[in-house]
Amino acid sequence: MKKDQRQHHKISLREILTRIFFIFLGATLVAVSLEMFLVPNTIIDGGIVGVSIILSYLSNIPLGVFLFFLNLPFLFIGYKQIGKTFAISTLFGVFIMSIGTFVLHSAEMATDEPLLAAVFGGTILGFGVGLVLRYGGSLDGTEIVAILVNKKSPFSVGEIVMFFNLFILGSAGFVFGWERAMYSLIAYFIAFKMIDITINGFDESKSVWIISENHKEVGDAILFRLGRGVTYMSGEGGFSGDDKKIIFCIITRLEEAKLKSIVDELDPEAFLAIGNIHDVKGGRFKKRDIH
């Protein structure tokens, strides 16, 4: 391996300023969600944020104190695993979030209707957390713990985080009542989906696999009518032993219905499989108009 391949990519000043701005914005939005929607209505989120809300409620110590100091040990423990840049970005985000809760603590609550608080609070929270994650930081030490535990357990990071959050949300039932725990679950679900949308965007990419006797016609239609490049692969039927041609392509979520109509039109008997993919890079994949 060449020396320049081993060295870390140096972040430009523009990238640094962009990262600072969006992490600041995301952390501020989380503080707004907590102090103006969720906390006044005794609705919690998962992770360290949820634990902090419960402890602040029981002790009357400001929420920002718990948000900051409960995250510090996890940052220290996971420093070598997550890297210096991520650790600094996370520390900055947690600091802004904590300060934001202090500043907004005396602000008037946006609504006293718990369902509205859960929906809008969860949306704002998810958007804020998604921005921070998208620009290289985090606001919760739970993910760091999950990564460390994952290395010594058969459970995935997602499963470990879900276990933590179910435990925390369940604890809210004993502290705030089970009705508030159910509202907390609504807020958590909305925030979870909003994080996903913020990170991946609305134009979610999908992988498409088509096995068709009319593979050339179907492939040409996808190429010229949908504007997507296709790749032909050879396969063999496990039951029949016949040679098969497989069409592979990448589309956006908005193009899915059009692709299905093309396949149904040219070969109603074709095998079609569509799956979500996290990211696409390289090749000729670009946003195109649907013809």
C-alpha atoms as a PDB file:
ATOM      1  CA  MET A   1       0.000   0.000   0.000  1.00  0.00           C
ATOM      2  CA  LYS A   2       1.322   3.417  -0.946  1.00  0.00           C
ATOM      3  CA  LYS A   3       2.033   5.981   1.715  1.00  0.00           C
ATOM      4  CA  ASP A   4      -0.562   8.448   0.385  1.00  0.00           C
ATOM      5  CA  GLN A   5      -3.212   5.712   0.559  1.00  0.00           C
ATOM      6  CA  ARG A   6      -2.575   5.166   4.256  1.00  0.00           C
ATOM      7  CA  GLN A   7      -2.858   8.847   5.145  1.00  0.00           C
ATOM      8  CA  HIS A   8      -6.215  10.296   6.153  1.00  0.00           C
ATOM      9  CA  HIS A   9      -7.918  12.671   3.758  1.00  0.00           C
ATOM     10  CA  LYS A  10      -7.369  16.230   4.942  1.00  0.00           C
ATOM     11  CA  ILE A  11     -10.632  18.109   5.322  1.00  0.00           C
ATOM     12  CA  SER A  12     -10.706  21.494   3.583  1.00  0.00           C
ATOM     13  CA  LEU A  13     -11.704  24.685   5.393  1.00  0.00           C
ATOM     14  CA  ARG A  14     -14.964  24.772   3.444  1.00  0.00           C
ATOM     15  CA  GLU A  15     -15.812  21.216   4.526  1.00  0.00           C
ATOM     16  CA  ILE A  16     -14.973  22.074   8.145  1.00  0.00           C
ATOM     17  CA  LEU A  17     -17.187  25.180   8.135  1.00  0.00           C
ATOM     18  CA  THR A  18     -20.019  23.257   6.447  1.00  0.00           C
ATOM     19  CA  ARG A  19     -19.760  20.507   9.035  1.00  0.00           C
ATOM     20  CA  ILE A  20     -19.724  23.011  11.917  1.00  0.00           C
ATOM     21  CA  PHE A  21     -22.790  24.835  10.555  1.00  0.00           C
ATOM     22  CA  PHE A  22     -24.965  21.770  10.022  1.00  0.00           C
ATOM     23  CA  ILE A  23     -23.957  20.087  13.277  1.00  0.00           C
ATOM     24  CA  PHE A  24     -24.734  23.364  15.079  1.00  0.00           C
ATOM     25  CA  LEU A  25     -28.095  23.592  13.277  1.00  0.00           C
ATOM     26  CA  GLY A  26     -28.951  19.951  13.980  1.00  0.00           C
ATOM     27  CA  ALA A  27     -28.032  20.138  17.657  1.00  0.00           C
ATOM     28  CA  THR A  28     -30.025  23.370  18.038  1.00  0.00           C
ATOM     29  CA  LEU A  29     -33.091  21.763  16.472  1.00  0.00           C
ATOM     30  CA  VAL A  30     -32.804  18.868  18.919  1.00  0.00           C
ATOM     31  CA  ALA A  31     -32.704  21.342  21.813  1.00  0.00           C
ATOM     32  CA  VAL A  32     -35.820  23.085  20.416  1.00  0.00           C
ATOM     33  CA  SER A  33     -37.619  19.756  20.141  1.00  0.00           C
ATOM     34  CA  LEU A  34     -36.737  18.768  23.684  1.00  0.00           C
ATOM     35  CA  GLU A  35     -37.483  22.022  25.490  1.00  0.00           C
ATOM     36  CA  MET A  36     -40.489  23.247  23.486  1.00  0.00           C
ATOM     37  CA  PHE A  37     -42.257  19.992  22.625  1.00  0.00           C
ATOM     38  CA  LEU A  38     -41.170  16.803  24.363  1.00  0.00           C
ATOM     39  CA  VAL A  39     -39.931  17.604  27.882  1.00  0.00           C
ATOM     40  CA  PRO A  40     -42.805  19.980  28.849  1.00  0.00           C
ATOM     41  CA  ASN A  41     -45.224  17.192  27.895  1.00  0.00           C
ATOM     42  CA  THR A  42     -43.167  14.514  29.720  1.00  0.00           C
ATOM     43  CA  ILE A  43     -42.454  12.704  26.464  1.00  0.00           C
ATOM     44  CA  ILE A  44     -39.008  11.176  26.091  1.00  0.00           C
ATOM     45  CA  ASP A  45     -36.737   9.926  23.318  1.00  0.00           C
ATOM     46  CA  GLY A  46     -34.547   6.847  23.408  1.00  0.00           C
ATOM     47  CA  GLY A  47     -30.864   6.591  24.279  1.00  0.00           C
ATOM     48  CA  ILE A  48     -28.930   8.954  26.522  1.00  0.00           C
ATOM     49  CA  VAL A  49     -31.452  11.709  25.772  1.00  0.00           C
ATOM     50  CA  GLY A  50     -34.252   9.611  27.269  1.00  0.00           C
ATOM     51  CA  VAL A  51     -32.192   8.714  30.324  1.00  0.00           C
ATOM     52  CA  SER A  52     -31.292  12.384  30.782  1.00  0.00           C
ATOM     53  CA  ILE A  53     -34.936  13.470  30.632  1.00  0.00           C
ATOM     54  CA  ILE A  54     -35.913  10.899  33.282  1.00  0.00           C
ATOM     55  CA  LEU A  55     -33.002  11.803  35.588  1.00  0.00           C
ATOM     56  CA  SER A  56     -33.649  15.538  35.175  1.00  0.00           C
ATOM     57  CA  TYR A  57     -37.307  15.017  36.062  1.00  0.00           C
ATOM     58  CA  LEU A  58     -36.482  12.971  39.174  1.00  0.00           C
ATOM     59  CA  SER A  59     -33.655  15.205  40.425  1.00  0.00           C
ATOM     60  CA  ASN A  60     -34.692  18.701  39.223  1.00  0.00           C
ATOM     61  CA  ILE A  61     -31.163  19.111  37.831  1.00  0.00           C
ATOM     62  CA  PRO A  62     -31.147  20.891  34.435  1.00  0.00           C
ATOM     63  CA  LEU A  63     -31.443  18.558  31.450  1.00  0.00           C
ATOM     64  CA  GLY A  64     -28.321  19.943  29.765  1.00  0.00           C
ATOM     65  CA  VAL A  65     -26.110  18.748  32.632  1.00  0.00           C
ATOM     66  CA  PHE A  66     -27.115  15.120  32.084  1.00  0.00           C
ATOM     67  CA  LEU A  67     -27.016  15.404  28.292  1.00  0.00           C
ATOM     68  CA  PHE A  68     -23.407  16.558  28.387  1.00  0.00           C
ATOM     69  CA  PHE A  69     -21.878  14.531  31.190  1.00  0.00           C
ATOM     70  CA  LEU A  70     -23.622  11.228  30.462  1.00  0.00           C
ATOM     71  CA  ASN A  71     -22.257  11.306  26.921  1.00  0.00           C
ATOM     72  CA  LEU A  72     -18.662  12.055  27.919  1.00  0.00           C
ATOM     73  CA  PRO A  73     -17.723   8.545  29.182  1.00  0.00           C
ATOM     74  CA  PHE A  74     -18.965   6.930  25.969  1.00  0.00           C
ATOM     75  CA  LEU A  75     -16.954   9.364  23.871  1.00  0.00           C
ATOM     76  CA  PHE A  76     -13.852   8.533  25.886  1.00  0.00           C
ATOM     77  CA  ILE A  77     -14.445   4.772  25.729  1.00  0.00           C
ATOM     78  CA  GLY A  78     -15.106   4.721  22.008  1.00  0.00           C
ATOM     79  CA  TYR A  79     -12.462   7.257  20.982  1.00  0.00           C
ATOM     80  CA  LYS A  80     -10.129   4.737  19.365  1.00  0.00           C
ATOM     81  CA  GLN A  81     -12.982   2.956  17.579  1.00  0.00           C
ATOM     82  CA  ILE A  82     -14.769   5.995  16.174  1.00  0.00           C
ATOM     83  CA  GLY A  83     -11.829   8.218  15.305  1.00  0.00           C
ATOM     84  CA  LYS A  84     -10.679  11.697  16.255  1.00  0.00           C
ATOM     85  CA  THR A  85     -12.788  13.657  13.740  1.00  0.00           C
ATOM     86  CA  PHE A  86     -16.002  11.873  14.699  1.00  0.00           C
ATOM     87  CA  ALA A  87     -15.243  12.298  18.408  1.00  0.00           C
ATOM     88  CA  ILE A  88     -14.645  16.046  18.056  1.00  0.00           C
ATOM     89  CA  SER A  89     -17.765  16.478  15.911  1.00  0.00           C
ATOM     90  CA  THR A  90     -19.823  14.532  18.451  1.00  0.00           C
ATOM     91  CA  LEU A  91     -18.424  16.517  21.380  1.00  0.00           C
ATOM     92  CA  PHE A  92     -19.270  19.771  19.596  1.00  0.00           C
ATOM     93  CA  GLY A  93     -22.798  18.590  18.802  1.00  0.00           C
ATOM     94  CA  VAL A  94     -23.466  17.388  22.355  1.00  0.00           C
ATOM     95  CA  PHE A  95     -22.113  20.669  23.755  1.00  0.00           C
ATOM     96  CA  ILE A  96     -24.393  22.773  21.503  1.00  0.00           C
ATOM     97  CA  MET A  97     -27.393  20.566  22.327  1.00  0.00           C
ATOM     98  CA  SER A  98     -26.733  20.894  26.057  1.00  0.00           C
ATOM     99  CA  ILE A  99     -26.278  24.674  25.906  1.00  0.00           C
ATOM    100  CA  GLY A 100     -29.401  24.908  23.763  1.00  0.00           C
ATOM    101  CA  THR A 101     -31.514  23.231  26.439  1.00  0.00           C
ATOM    102  CA  PHE A 102     -30.226  25.722  29.029  1.00  0.00           C
ATOM    103  CA  VAL A 103     -31.070  28.699  26.778  1.00  0.00           C
ATOM    104  CA  LEU A 104     -34.513  27.387  25.812  1.00  0.00           C
ATOM    105  CA  HIS A 105     -35.505  26.041  29.215  1.00  0.00           C
ATOM    106  CA  SER A 106     -37.558  29.129  30.064  1.00  0.00           C
ATOM    107  CA  ALA A 107     -39.098  29.363  26.586  1.00  0.00           C
ATOM    108  CA  GLU A 108     -42.850  28.877  26.271  1.00  0.00           C
ATOM    109  CA  MET A 109     -43.900  25.381  25.229  1.00  0.00           C
ATOM    110  CA  ALA A 110     -45.149  25.127  21.644  1.00  0.00           C
ATOM    111  CA  THR A 111     -48.180  22.980  22.544  1.00  0.00           C
ATOM    112  CA  ASP A 112     -49.677  21.234  25.535  1.00  0.00           C
ATOM    113  CA  GLU A 113     -51.402  18.614  23.358  1.00  0.00           C
ATOM    114  CA  PRO A 114     -49.303  15.438  23.808  1.00  0.00           C
ATOM    115  CA  LEU A 115     -50.067  13.958  20.376  1.00  0.00           C
ATOM    116  CA  LEU A 116     -49.043  17.162  18.596  1.00  0.00           C
ATOM    117  CA  ALA A 117     -45.938  17.337  20.791  1.00  0.00           C
ATOM    118  CA  ALA A 118     -45.031  13.735  19.926  1.00  0.00           C
ATOM    119  CA  VAL A 119     -45.530  14.241  16.188  1.00  0.00           C
ATOM    120  CA  PHE A 120     -43.856  17.619  15.743  1.00  0.00           C
ATOM    121  CA  GLY A 121     -41.282  17.072  18.477  1.00  0.00           C
ATOM    122  CA  GLY A 122     -40.321  13.720  16.958  1.00  0.00           C
ATOM    123  CA  THR A 123     -40.105  15.236  13.472  1.00  0.00           C
ATOM    124  CA  ILE A 124     -37.870  18.132  14.539  1.00  0.00           C
ATOM    125  CA  LEU A 125     -35.754  15.843  16.713  1.00  0.00           C
ATOM    126  CA  GLY A 126     -35.275  13.318  13.909  1.00  0.00           C
ATOM    127  CA  PHE A 127     -34.357  16.031  11.405  1.00  0.00           C
ATOM    128  CA  GLY A 128     -31.825  17.526  13.813  1.00  0.00           C
ATOM    129  CA  VAL A 129     -30.220  14.196  14.693  1.00  0.00           C
ATOM    130  CA  GLY A 130     -30.179  13.252  10.999  1.00  0.00           C
ATOM    131  CA  LEU A 131     -28.290  16.436  10.113  1.00  0.00           C
ATOM    132  CA  VAL A 132     -25.676  15.764  12.778  1.00  0.00           C
ATOM    133  CA  LEU A 133     -25.233  12.156  11.635  1.00  0.00           C
ATOM    134  CA  ARG A 134     -25.092  13.175   7.982  1.00  0.00           C
ATOM    135  CA  TYR A 135     -22.260  15.595   8.686  1.00  0.00           C
ATOM    136  CA  GLY A 136     -20.098  13.238  10.715  1.00  0.00           C
ATOM    137  CA  GLY A 137     -21.202  13.538  14.327  1.00  0.00           C
ATOM    138  CA  SER A 138     -23.598  12.025  16.840  1.00  0.00           C
ATOM    139  CA  LEU A 139     -25.685  13.244  19.771  1.00  0.00           C
ATOM    140  CA  ASP A 140     -26.047  10.008  21.695  1.00  0.00           C
ATOM    141  CA  GLY A 141     -23.497   7.648  23.235  1.00  0.00           C
ATOM    142  CA  THR A 142     -25.833   4.664  22.871  1.00  0.00           C
ATOM    143  CA  GLU A 143     -24.595   3.969  19.337  1.00  0.00           C
ATOM    144  CA  ILE A 144     -20.992   3.945  20.565  1.00  0.00           C
ATOM    145  CA  VAL A 145     -21.858   1.446  23.286  1.00  0.00           C
ATOM    146  CA  ALA A 146     -23.706  -0.684  20.746  1.00  0.00           C
ATOM    147  CA  ILE A 147     -20.662  -0.774  18.459  1.00  0.00           C
ATOM    148  CA  LEU A 148     -18.421  -1.890  21.330  1.00  0.00           C
ATOM    149  CA  VAL A 149     -20.885  -4.508  22.625  1.00  0.00           C
ATOM    150  CA  ASN A 150     -21.510  -5.779  19.089  1.00  0.00           C
ATOM    151  CA  LYS A 151     -17.904  -6.950  18.837  1.00  0.00           C
ATOM    152  CA  LYS A 152     -18.403  -9.379  21.729  1.00  0.00           C
ATOM    153  CA  SER A 153     -22.022 -10.427  21.178  1.00  0.00           C
ATOM    154  CA  PRO A 154     -24.090 -12.143  18.466  1.00  0.00           C
ATOM    155  CA  PHE A 155     -26.438  -9.150  18.216  1.00  0.00           C
ATOM    156  CA  SER A 156     -26.239  -6.436  15.572  1.00  0.00           C
ATOM    157  CA  VAL A 157     -25.714  -2.759  16.412  1.00  0.00           C
ATOM    158  CA  GLY A 158     -29.331  -2.028  15.488  1.00  0.00           C
ATOM    159  CA  GLU A 159     -30.638  -4.791  17.751  1.00  0.00           C
ATOM    160  CA  ILE A 160     -28.563  -3.570  20.691  1.00  0.00           C
ATOM    161  CA  VAL A 161     -29.734   0.030  20.233  1.00  0.00           C
ATOM    162  CA  MET A 162     -33.333  -1.168  19.986  1.00  0.00           C
ATOM    163  CA  PHE A 163     -32.943  -3.167  23.229  1.00  0.00           C
ATOM    164  CA  PHE A 164     -31.555  -0.111  25.046  1.00  0.00           C
ATOM    165  CA  ASN A 165     -34.344   2.101  23.761  1.00  0.00           C
ATOM    166  CA  LEU A 166     -37.136  -0.331  24.590  1.00  0.00           C
ATOM    167  CA  PHE A 167     -35.775  -0.528  28.133  1.00  0.00           C
ATOM    168  CA  ILE A 168     -35.594   3.276  28.393  1.00  0.00           C
ATOM    169  CA  LEU A 169     -39.038   3.836  26.887  1.00  0.00           C
ATOM    170  CA  GLY A 170     -40.434   1.146  29.193  1.00  0.00           C
ATOM    171  CA  SER A 171     -38.902   2.949  32.165  1.00  0.00           C
ATOM    172  CA  ALA A 172     -40.810   6.070  31.130  1.00  0.00           C
ATOM    173  CA  GLY A 173     -44.015   4.171  31.867  1.00  0.00           C
ATOM    174  CA  PHE A 174     -43.086   3.838  35.528  1.00  0.00           C
ATOM    175  CA  VAL A 175     -41.935   7.451  35.834  1.00  0.00           C
ATOM    176  CA  PHE A 176     -44.436   9.385  33.699  1.00  0.00           C
ATOM    177  CA  GLY A 177     -47.286   6.890  33.287  1.00  0.00           C
ATOM    178  CA  TRP A 178     -48.010   4.415  30.504  1.00  0.00           C
ATOM    179  CA  GLU A 179     -49.970   6.898  28.421  1.00  0.00           C
ATOM    180  CA  ARG A 180     -46.903   9.153  28.194  1.00  0.00           C
ATOM    181  CA  ALA A 181     -44.763   6.107  27.426  1.00  0.00           C
ATOM    182  CA  MET A 182     -47.022   5.389  24.435  1.00  0.00           C
ATOM    183  CA  TYR A 183     -46.683   8.987  23.242  1.00  0.00           C
ATOM    184  CA  SER A 184     -42.922   8.592  23.676  1.00  0.00           C
ATOM    185  CA  LEU A 185     -43.021   5.523  21.445  1.00  0.00           C
ATOM    186  CA  ILE A 186     -44.823   7.549  18.764  1.00  0.00           C
ATOM    187  CA  ALA A 187     -42.213  10.319  18.995  1.00  0.00           C
ATOM    188  CA  TYR A 188     -39.392   7.776  18.868  1.00  0.00           C
ATOM    189  CA  PHE A 189     -40.801   6.070  15.759  1.00  0.00           C
ATOM    190  CA  ILE A 190     -41.332   9.387  13.943  1.00  0.00           C
ATOM    191  CA  ALA A 191     -37.824  10.558  14.874  1.00  0.00           C
ATOM    192  CA  PHE A 192     -36.361   7.239  13.683  1.00  0.00           C
ATOM    193  CA  LYS A 193     -38.038   7.553  10.260  1.00  0.00           C
ATOM    194  CA  MET A 194     -37.121  11.239   9.989  1.00  0.00           C
ATOM    195  CA  ILE A 195     -33.458  10.455  10.691  1.00  0.00           C
ATOM    196  CA  ASP A 196     -33.523   7.948   7.830  1.00  0.00           C
ATOM    197  CA  ILE A 197     -35.121  10.458   5.444  1.00  0.00           C
ATOM    198  CA  THR A 198     -32.666  13.209   6.426  1.00  0.00           C
ATOM    199  CA  ILE A 199     -29.626  10.994   5.891  1.00  0.00           C
ATOM    200  CA  ASN A 200     -30.742   9.236   2.702  1.00  0.00           C
ATOM    201  CA  GLY A 201     -33.073  11.842   1.199  1.00  0.00           C
ATOM    202  CA  PHE A 202     -36.420  11.297  -0.487  1.00  0.00           C
ATOM    203  CA  ASP A 203     -34.833   9.907  -3.664  1.00  0.00           C
ATOM    204  CA  GLU A 204     -34.013   6.603  -2.031  1.00  0.00           C
ATOM    205  CA  SER A 205     -32.146   4.284  -4.399  1.00  0.00           C
ATOM    206  CA  LYS A 206     -33.353   0.786  -5.188  1.00  0.00           C
ATOM    207  CA  SER A 207     -31.675  -2.211  -6.789  1.00  0.00           C
ATOM    208  CA  VAL A 208     -33.668  -4.098  -9.409  1.00  0.00           C
ATOM    209  CA  TRP A 209     -33.215  -7.697 -10.596  1.00  0.00           C
ATOM    210  CA  ILE A 210     -35.258  -8.918 -13.560  1.00  0.00           C
ATOM    211  CA  ILE A 211     -35.269 -12.390 -15.117  1.00  0.00           C
ATOM    212  CA  SER A 212     -37.128 -12.320 -18.414  1.00  0.00           C
ATOM    213  CA  GLU A 213     -37.336 -14.253 -21.670  1.00  0.00           C
ATOM    214  CA  ASN A 214     -37.556 -10.847 -23.353  1.00  0.00           C
ATOM    215  CA  HIS A 215     -34.535  -9.471 -21.544  1.00  0.00           C
ATOM    216  CA  LYS A 216     -33.271  -7.421 -24.506  1.00  0.00           C
ATOM    217  CA  GLU A 217     -36.595  -5.650 -25.046  1.00  0.00           C
ATOM    218  CA  VAL A 218     -37.029  -5.004 -21.330  1.00  0.00           C
ATOM    219  CA  GLY A 219     -33.432  -3.792 -20.969  1.00  0.00           C
ATOM    220  CA  ASP A 220     -33.730  -1.454 -23.974  1.00  0.00           C
ATOM    221  CA  ALA A 221     -36.999  -0.007 -22.620  1.00  0.00           C
ATOM    222  CA  ILE A 222     -35.396   0.690 -19.220  1.00  0.00           C
ATOM    223  CA  LEU A 223     -32.434   2.274 -20.982  1.00  0.00           C
ATOM    224  CA  PHE A 224     -34.348   4.531 -23.379  1.00  0.00           C
ATOM    225  CA  ARG A 225     -37.692   5.137 -21.632  1.00  0.00           C
ATOM    226  CA  LEU A 226     -36.515   5.323 -18.036  1.00  0.00           C
ATOM    227  CA  GLY A 227     -33.045   6.661 -18.778  1.00  0.00           C
ATOM    228  CA  ARG A 228     -31.280   4.057 -16.622  1.00  0.00           C
ATOM    229  CA  GLY A 229     -28.249   1.986 -17.544  1.00  0.00           C
ATOM    230  CA  VAL A 230     -28.638  -1.778 -17.279  1.00  0.00           C
ATOM    231  CA  THR A 231     -26.235  -4.686 -16.834  1.00  0.00           C
ATOM    232  CA  TYR A 232     -26.903  -8.147 -18.256  1.00  0.00           C
ATOM    233  CA  MET A 233     -25.719 -11.144 -16.276  1.00  0.00           C
ATOM    234  CA  SER A 234     -25.864 -14.832 -17.073  1.00  0.00           C
ATOM    235  CA  GLY A 235     -27.521 -17.300 -14.709  1.00  0.00           C
ATOM    236  CA  GLU A 236     -28.859 -20.837 -14.574  1.00  0.00           C
ATOM    237  CA  GLY A 237     -32.268 -21.921 -13.343  1.00  0.00           C
ATOM    238  CA  GLY A 238     -31.902 -24.097 -10.234  1.00  0.00           C
ATOM    239  CA  PHE A 239     -34.968 -26.200 -11.087  1.00  0.00           C
ATOM    240  CA  SER A 240     -34.940 -26.225 -14.899  1.00  0.00           C
ATOM    241  CA  GLY A 241     -31.211 -25.932 -15.510  1.00  0.00           C
ATOM    242  CA  ASP A 242     -31.928 -23.508 -18.371  1.00  0.00           C
ATOM    243  CA  ASP A 243     -29.682 -20.561 -19.110  1.00  0.00           C
ATOM    244  CA  LYS A 244     -31.150 -17.276 -17.909  1.00  0.00           C
ATOM    245  CA  LYS A 245     -30.373 -13.636 -18.604  1.00  0.00           C
ATOM    246  CA  ILE A 246     -30.595 -11.366 -15.570  1.00  0.00           C
ATOM    247  CA  ILE A 247     -31.106  -7.618 -15.895  1.00  0.00           C
ATOM    248  CA  PHE A 248     -29.651  -5.513 -13.086  1.00  0.00           C
ATOM    249  CA  CYS A 249     -30.142  -1.760 -12.662  1.00  0.00           C
ATOM    250  CA  ILE A 250     -30.409   0.995 -10.055  1.00  0.00           C
ATOM    251  CA  ILE A 251     -33.404   3.319  -9.898  1.00  0.00           C
ATOM    252  CA  THR A 252     -34.810   5.900  -7.498  1.00  0.00           C
ATOM    253  CA  ARG A 253     -37.952   5.364  -5.445  1.00  0.00           C
ATOM    254  CA  LEU A 254     -39.880   7.724  -7.728  1.00  0.00           C
ATOM    255  CA  GLU A 255     -39.056   5.565 -10.766  1.00  0.00           C
ATOM    256  CA  GLU A 256     -40.277   2.286  -9.269  1.00  0.00           C
ATOM    257  CA  ALA A 257     -43.865   2.483 -10.552  1.00  0.00           C
ATOM    258  CA  LYS A 258     -42.712   3.348 -14.081  1.00  0.00           C
ATOM    259  CA  LEU A 259     -40.268   0.433 -14.141  1.00  0.00           C
ATOM    260  CA  LYS A 260     -42.962  -2.014 -13.020  1.00  0.00           C
ATOM    261  CA  SER A 261     -45.268  -0.835 -15.785  1.00  0.00           C
ATOM    262  CA  ILE A 262     -42.505  -1.328 -18.366  1.00  0.00           C
ATOM    263  CA  VAL A 263     -41.845  -4.879 -17.197  1.00  0.00           C
ATOM    264  CA  ASP A 264     -45.566  -5.735 -17.060  1.00  0.00           C
ATOM    265  CA  GLU A 265     -46.048  -4.356 -20.560  1.00  0.00           C
ATOM    266  CA  LEU A 266     -43.196  -6.278 -22.194  1.00  0.00           C
ATOM    267  CA  ASP A 267     -43.188  -9.491 -20.145  1.00  0.00           C
ATOM    268  CA  PRO A 268     -45.985 -10.047 -17.591  1.00  0.00           C
ATOM    269  CA  GLU A 269     -44.364 -13.386 -16.637  1.00  0.00           C
ATOM    270  CA  ALA A 270     -40.985 -11.852 -15.786  1.00  0.00           C
ATOM    271  CA  PHE A 271     -39.438 -12.340 -12.351  1.00  0.00           C
ATOM    272  CA  LEU A 272     -38.908  -8.958 -10.678  1.00  0.00           C
ATOM    273  CA  ALA A 273     -37.151  -8.258  -7.376  1.00  0.00           C
ATOM    274  CA  ILE A 274     -36.684  -4.739  -5.964  1.00  0.00           C
ATOM    275  CA  GLY A 275     -34.702  -3.937  -2.833  1.00  0.00           C
ATOM    276  CA  ASN A 276     -33.633  -0.837  -0.921  1.00  0.00           C
ATOM    277  CA  ILE A 277     -29.950   0.082  -0.967  1.00  0.00           C
ATOM    278  CA  HIS A 278     -28.136   2.445   1.348  1.00  0.00           C
ATOM    279  CA  ASP A 279     -25.867   4.282  -1.076  1.00  0.00           C
ATOM    280  CA  VAL A 280     -24.817   4.462  -4.733  1.00  0.00           C
ATOM    281  CA  LYS A 281     -21.518   5.813  -6.001  1.00  0.00           C
ATOM    282  CA  GLY A 282     -19.780   5.818  -9.354  1.00  0.00           C
ATOM    283  CA  GLY A 283     -20.875   4.484 -12.707  1.00  0.00           C
ATOM    284  CA  ARG A 284     -23.487   6.406 -14.652  1.00  0.00           C
ATOM    285  CA  PHE A 285     -26.086   6.675 -11.929  1.00  0.00           C
ATOM    286  CA  LYS A 286     -27.511  10.176 -12.027  1.00  0.00           C
ATOM    287  CA  LYS A 287     -30.938  11.723 -11.634  1.00  0.00           C
ATOM    288  CA  ARG A 288     -32.773  11.598 -14.938  1.00  0.00           C
ATOM    289  CA  ASP A 289     -36.189  12.532 -16.241  1.00  0.00           C
ATOM    290  CA  ILE A 290     -38.752   9.745 -16.559  1.00  0.00           C
ATOM    291  CA  HIS A 291     -39.908   9.416 -20.176  1.00  0.00           C
END
